[in-house]
Amino acid sequence: MLSLTLGPVFKALADPTRRWFVEAMLDGHVRLLEFAEMFPLSLPTVLYHLRVLEECGLLRSRKEGEMRLYSLRPEGLLEAEAWLRQILWSRYRPRLGSLPEDWRLPPR
């Protein structure tokens, strides 16, 4: 069954701009102004998308001097990843057997 906490994550990731932002942070933190340089968006629009990602738990921000840095919270993606693995595995289980231990949903 889909966890209620996954709704905001999948809703946030439904937007291609926010998926681009997540991909931009795969190698580490990104400064706010770097987002504005990477994407043809106004600063208020960039801030809106970053806030959505932060509120659903996919990223964190911190202030360093005059800069605001954003980075991924990998744990924010773990439950979604586990759920997707479980759903995908259910399709192949009749042919391949039981769900691998590392593909199971974490205990609550």
N, C-alpha and C. Protein backbone atom coordinates (compact mmCIF):
# COMPACT_ATOMS: atom_id res chain seq x y z
N MET A 1 0.84 -1.19 0.00
CA MET A 1 0.00 0.00 0.00
C MET A 1 0.88 1.25 0.00
N LEU A 2 0.47 2.27 -0.72
CA LEU A 2 1.23 3.50 -0.83
C LEU A 2 1.20 4.26 0.49
N SER A 3 2.37 4.60 0.98
CA SER A 3 2.48 5.37 2.20
C SER A 3 1.96 6.78 1.97
N LEU A 4 1.30 7.33 2.96
CA LEU A 4 0.79 8.70 2.85
C LEU A 4 1.91 9.72 2.73
N THR A 5 3.09 9.38 3.22
CA THR A 5 4.21 10.32 3.15
C THR A 5 4.80 10.42 1.76
N LEU A 6 4.47 9.46 0.88
CA LEU A 6 5.01 9.49 -0.47
C LEU A 6 4.28 10.45 -1.39
N GLY A 7 3.06 10.79 -1.07
CA GLY A 7 2.28 11.69 -1.92
C GLY A 7 3.00 12.98 -2.24
N PRO A 8 3.47 13.72 -1.23
CA PRO A 8 4.17 14.98 -1.52
C PRO A 8 5.46 14.78 -2.32
N VAL A 9 6.14 13.67 -2.10
CA VAL A 9 7.38 13.39 -2.85
C VAL A 9 7.07 13.19 -4.33
N PHE A 10 6.08 12.32 -4.62
CA PHE A 10 5.74 12.08 -6.02
C PHE A 10 5.13 13.31 -6.67
N LYS A 11 4.37 14.07 -5.91
CA LYS A 11 3.80 15.31 -6.46
C LYS A 11 4.92 16.30 -6.81
N ALA A 12 5.91 16.41 -5.93
CA ALA A 12 7.03 17.31 -6.20
C ALA A 12 7.81 16.85 -7.42
N LEU A 13 8.04 15.54 -7.54
CA LEU A 13 8.82 15.02 -8.64
C LEU A 13 8.05 14.95 -9.95
N ALA A 14 6.75 15.19 -9.91
CA ALA A 14 5.95 15.20 -11.13
C ALA A 14 6.31 16.39 -12.02
N ASP A 15 6.86 17.42 -11.44
CA ASP A 15 7.23 18.62 -12.20
C ASP A 15 8.63 18.46 -12.78
N PRO A 16 8.79 18.61 -14.10
CA PRO A 16 10.12 18.42 -14.71
C PRO A 16 11.17 19.40 -14.20
N THR A 17 10.78 20.61 -13.86
CA THR A 17 11.75 21.58 -13.34
C THR A 17 12.34 21.07 -12.04
N ARG A 18 11.49 20.54 -11.17
CA ARG A 18 12.00 20.04 -9.89
C ARG A 18 12.86 18.79 -10.09
N ARG A 19 12.53 17.96 -11.08
CA ARG A 19 13.40 16.81 -11.36
C ARG A 19 14.76 17.30 -11.86
N TRP A 20 14.79 18.36 -12.66
CA TRP A 20 16.07 18.93 -13.09
C TRP A 20 16.87 19.43 -11.90
N PHE A 21 16.17 20.06 -10.94
CA PHE A 21 16.86 20.56 -9.75
C PHE A 21 17.48 19.39 -8.98
N VAL A 22 16.73 18.31 -8.82
CA VAL A 22 17.24 17.13 -8.10
C VAL A 22 18.49 16.61 -8.82
N GLU A 23 18.43 16.50 -10.14
CA GLU A 23 19.58 16.02 -10.90
C GLU A 23 20.78 16.96 -10.74
N ALA A 24 20.53 18.26 -10.67
CA ALA A 24 21.62 19.23 -10.51
C ALA A 24 22.34 19.05 -9.18
N MET A 25 21.65 18.49 -8.19
CA MET A 25 22.26 18.33 -6.87
C MET A 25 22.87 16.95 -6.65
N LEU A 26 22.87 16.09 -7.65
CA LEU A 26 23.39 14.73 -7.47
C LEU A 26 24.87 14.72 -7.09
N ASP A 27 25.63 15.69 -7.54
CA ASP A 27 27.07 15.71 -7.25
C ASP A 27 27.43 16.57 -6.04
N GLY A 28 26.44 17.07 -5.33
CA GLY A 28 26.73 17.87 -4.15
C GLY A 28 25.83 19.08 -4.05
N HIS A 29 26.21 20.01 -3.21
CA HIS A 29 25.36 21.18 -2.98
C HIS A 29 25.45 22.16 -4.15
N VAL A 30 24.38 22.96 -4.26
CA VAL A 30 24.29 23.97 -5.31
C VAL A 30 23.86 25.28 -4.65
N ARG A 31 24.50 26.36 -5.05
CA ARG A 31 24.12 27.68 -4.52
C ARG A 31 22.83 28.15 -5.19
N LEU A 32 22.05 28.94 -4.49
CA LEU A 32 20.81 29.46 -5.02
C LEU A 32 21.02 30.13 -6.37
N LEU A 33 22.00 30.99 -6.47
CA LEU A 33 22.23 31.71 -7.72
C LEU A 33 22.66 30.79 -8.86
N GLU A 34 23.26 29.64 -8.53
CA GLU A 34 23.61 28.68 -9.58
C GLU A 34 22.36 28.10 -10.23
N PHE A 35 21.32 27.88 -9.43
CA PHE A 35 20.06 27.41 -10.00
C PHE A 35 19.52 28.44 -10.99
N ALA A 36 19.57 29.69 -10.60
CA ALA A 36 19.06 30.76 -11.45
C ALA A 36 19.89 30.86 -12.74
N GLU A 37 21.18 30.54 -12.67
CA GLU A 37 22.03 30.57 -13.86
C GLU A 37 21.80 29.35 -14.76
N MET A 38 21.53 28.19 -14.14
CA MET A 38 21.36 26.95 -14.90
C MET A 38 20.04 26.88 -15.65
N PHE A 39 19.03 27.50 -15.10
CA PHE A 39 17.68 27.36 -15.64
C PHE A 39 17.13 28.73 -16.01
N PRO A 40 16.42 28.82 -17.11
CA PRO A 40 15.88 30.12 -17.55
C PRO A 40 14.61 30.48 -16.76
N LEU A 41 14.80 30.66 -15.46
CA LEU A 41 13.67 30.95 -14.57
C LEU A 41 13.99 32.19 -13.74
N SER A 42 12.95 32.89 -13.33
CA SER A 42 13.15 34.03 -12.44
C SER A 42 13.53 33.51 -11.05
N LEU A 43 14.17 34.34 -10.27
CA LEU A 43 14.57 33.95 -8.92
C LEU A 43 13.36 33.54 -8.06
N PRO A 44 12.23 34.27 -8.10
CA PRO A 44 11.07 33.81 -7.32
C PRO A 44 10.58 32.42 -7.75
N THR A 45 10.66 32.11 -9.03
CA THR A 45 10.25 30.78 -9.51
C THR A 45 11.22 29.71 -9.01
N VAL A 46 12.50 30.00 -9.06
CA VAL A 46 13.51 29.07 -8.53
C VAL A 46 13.24 28.81 -7.05
N LEU A 47 13.02 29.87 -6.29
CA LEU A 47 12.76 29.73 -4.86
C LEU A 47 11.50 28.91 -4.59
N TYR A 48 10.47 29.11 -5.39
CA TYR A 48 9.23 28.33 -5.23
C TYR A 48 9.52 26.84 -5.39
N HIS A 49 10.21 26.46 -6.46
CA HIS A 49 10.48 25.05 -6.71
C HIS A 49 11.38 24.45 -5.62
N LEU A 50 12.37 25.20 -5.17
CA LEU A 50 13.23 24.72 -4.09
C LEU A 50 12.45 24.54 -2.80
N ARG A 51 11.52 25.45 -2.52
CA ARG A 51 10.70 25.33 -1.31
C ARG A 51 9.83 24.07 -1.36
N VAL A 52 9.25 23.78 -2.52
CA VAL A 52 8.43 22.57 -2.65
C VAL A 52 9.28 21.33 -2.36
N LEU A 53 10.49 21.28 -2.92
CA LEU A 53 11.37 20.13 -2.70
C LEU A 53 11.81 20.03 -1.24
N GLU A 54 12.02 21.16 -0.61
CA GLU A 54 12.44 21.15 0.79
C GLU A 54 11.28 20.71 1.70
N GLU A 55 10.09 21.21 1.42
CA GLU A 55 8.93 20.88 2.27
C GLU A 55 8.56 19.41 2.21
N CYS A 56 8.81 18.74 1.09
CA CYS A 56 8.48 17.31 1.01
C CYS A 56 9.64 16.45 1.48
N GLY A 57 10.75 17.05 1.87
CA GLY A 57 11.86 16.29 2.46
C GLY A 57 12.91 15.81 1.49
N LEU A 58 12.92 16.32 0.27
CA LEU A 58 13.91 15.86 -0.71
C LEU A 58 15.21 16.66 -0.69
N LEU A 59 15.20 17.83 -0.10
CA LEU A 59 16.44 18.59 -0.02
C LEU A 59 16.48 19.39 1.27
N ARG A 60 17.67 19.87 1.56
CA ARG A 60 17.87 20.75 2.72
C ARG A 60 18.63 21.97 2.25
N SER A 61 18.48 23.03 3.01
CA SER A 61 19.22 24.25 2.68
C SER A 61 19.93 24.74 3.93
N ARG A 62 20.99 25.45 3.70
CA ARG A 62 21.72 26.07 4.81
C ARG A 62 22.35 27.36 4.31
N LYS A 63 22.53 28.26 5.21
CA LYS A 63 23.11 29.55 4.86
C LYS A 63 24.58 29.54 5.28
N GLU A 64 25.44 29.93 4.34
CA GLU A 64 26.87 30.09 4.61
C GLU A 64 27.25 31.49 4.21
N GLY A 65 27.41 32.35 5.19
CA GLY A 65 27.70 33.75 4.89
C GLY A 65 26.53 34.37 4.15
N GLU A 66 26.80 34.90 2.97
CA GLU A 66 25.77 35.52 2.15
C GLU A 66 25.08 34.53 1.22
N MET A 67 25.60 33.29 1.16
CA MET A 67 25.08 32.30 0.21
C MET A 67 24.11 31.33 0.88
N ARG A 68 23.13 30.88 0.12
CA ARG A 68 22.26 29.79 0.54
C ARG A 68 22.62 28.59 -0.31
N LEU A 69 22.94 27.47 0.35
CA LEU A 69 23.33 26.23 -0.33
C LEU A 69 22.21 25.20 -0.20
N TYR A 70 21.98 24.46 -1.26
CA TYR A 70 20.95 23.42 -1.29
C TYR A 70 21.63 22.09 -1.58
N SER A 71 21.18 21.04 -0.90
CA SER A 71 21.70 19.70 -1.16
C SER A 71 20.57 18.69 -0.98
N LEU A 72 20.74 17.55 -1.63
CA LEU A 72 19.74 16.49 -1.55
C LEU A 72 19.74 15.84 -0.17
N ARG A 73 18.59 15.39 0.23
CA ARG A 73 18.44 14.54 1.41
C ARG A 73 18.14 13.15 0.87
N PRO A 74 19.16 12.30 0.70
CA PRO A 74 18.93 10.99 0.09
C PRO A 74 17.85 10.19 0.82
N GLU A 75 17.76 10.37 2.12
CA GLU A 75 16.74 9.64 2.88
C GLU A 75 15.33 10.03 2.44
N GLY A 76 15.20 11.22 1.85
CA GLY A 76 13.91 11.64 1.34
C GLY A 76 13.44 10.81 0.16
N LEU A 77 14.39 10.21 -0.55
CA LEU A 77 14.05 9.38 -1.70
C LEU A 77 13.97 7.89 -1.37
N LEU A 78 14.48 7.48 -0.21
CA LEU A 78 14.57 6.06 0.10
C LEU A 78 13.22 5.35 0.17
N GLU A 79 12.24 5.94 0.80
CA GLU A 79 10.94 5.29 0.90
C GLU A 79 10.29 5.17 -0.48
N ALA A 80 10.41 6.21 -1.30
CA ALA A 80 9.86 6.15 -2.66
C ALA A 80 10.58 5.08 -3.47
N GLU A 81 11.88 5.00 -3.33
CA GLU A 81 12.64 3.97 -4.05
C GLU A 81 12.20 2.57 -3.61
N ALA A 82 12.07 2.36 -2.31
CA ALA A 82 11.67 1.05 -1.79
C ALA A 82 10.27 0.68 -2.28
N TRP A 83 9.37 1.65 -2.29
CA TRP A 83 8.00 1.38 -2.76
C TRP A 83 8.01 1.00 -4.24
N LEU A 84 8.76 1.74 -5.05
CA LEU A 84 8.84 1.44 -6.47
C LEU A 84 9.45 0.06 -6.72
N ARG A 85 10.49 -0.27 -5.97
CA ARG A 85 11.09 -1.60 -6.11
C ARG A 85 10.08 -2.69 -5.78
N GLN A 86 9.32 -2.50 -4.71
CA GLN A 86 8.35 -3.50 -4.30
C GLN A 86 7.28 -3.67 -5.39
N ILE A 87 6.80 -2.57 -5.95
CA ILE A 87 5.79 -2.65 -7.00
C ILE A 87 6.35 -3.35 -8.24
N LEU A 88 7.56 -2.99 -8.63
CA LEU A 88 8.17 -3.62 -9.80
C LEU A 88 8.39 -5.11 -9.56
N TRP A 89 8.86 -5.44 -8.36
CA TRP A 89 9.13 -6.83 -8.07
C TRP A 89 7.85 -7.66 -8.08
N SER A 90 6.75 -7.07 -7.65
CA SER A 90 5.49 -7.84 -7.61
C SER A 90 5.11 -8.34 -9.01
N ARG A 91 5.52 -7.62 -10.02
CA ARG A 91 5.25 -8.04 -11.40
C ARG A 91 6.05 -9.29 -11.78
N TYR A 92 7.26 -9.40 -11.27
CA TYR A 92 8.14 -10.50 -11.65
C TYR A 92 8.19 -11.64 -10.63
N ARG A 93 7.60 -11.45 -9.48
CA ARG A 93 7.65 -12.45 -8.41
C ARG A 93 7.18 -13.83 -8.86
N PRO A 94 6.06 -13.94 -9.62
CA PRO A 94 5.62 -15.28 -10.01
C PRO A 94 6.68 -16.08 -10.77
N ARG A 95 7.53 -15.40 -11.50
CA ARG A 95 8.57 -16.09 -12.27
C ARG A 95 9.88 -16.25 -11.52
N LEU A 96 10.18 -15.32 -10.62
CA LEU A 96 11.52 -15.30 -10.03
C LEU A 96 11.59 -15.65 -8.55
N GLY A 97 10.48 -15.70 -7.85
CA GLY A 97 10.52 -16.07 -6.44
C GLY A 97 10.26 -14.91 -5.52
N SER A 98 10.88 -14.93 -4.36
CA SER A 98 10.59 -13.93 -3.33
C SER A 98 11.35 -12.63 -3.57
N LEU A 99 10.89 -11.59 -2.91
CA LEU A 99 11.48 -10.27 -3.01
C LEU A 99 12.85 -10.25 -2.32
N PRO A 100 13.90 -9.77 -3.00
CA PRO A 100 15.20 -9.69 -2.33
C PRO A 100 15.11 -8.81 -1.08
N GLU A 101 15.86 -9.17 -0.07
CA GLU A 101 15.81 -8.47 1.22
C GLU A 101 16.04 -6.97 1.07
N ASP A 102 16.98 -6.55 0.25
CA ASP A 102 17.28 -5.13 0.11
C ASP A 102 16.25 -4.37 -0.73
N TRP A 103 15.25 -5.06 -1.25
CA TRP A 103 14.18 -4.42 -2.00
C TRP A 103 12.93 -4.25 -1.17
N ARG A 104 12.92 -4.73 0.05
CA ARG A 104 11.73 -4.66 0.89
C ARG A 104 11.59 -3.28 1.50
N LEU A 105 10.34 -2.91 1.79
CA LEU A 105 10.08 -1.64 2.46
C LEU A 105 10.70 -1.66 3.85
N PRO A 106 11.28 -0.56 4.28
CA PRO A 106 11.84 -0.52 5.63
C PRO A 106 10.74 -0.63 6.67
N PRO A 107 11.03 -1.24 7.83
CA PRO A 107 10.00 -1.34 8.88
C PRO A 107 9.64 0.04 9.41
N ARG A 108 8.41 0.21 9.82
CA ARG A 108 7.95 1.49 10.36
C ARG A 108 8.13 1.53 11.84
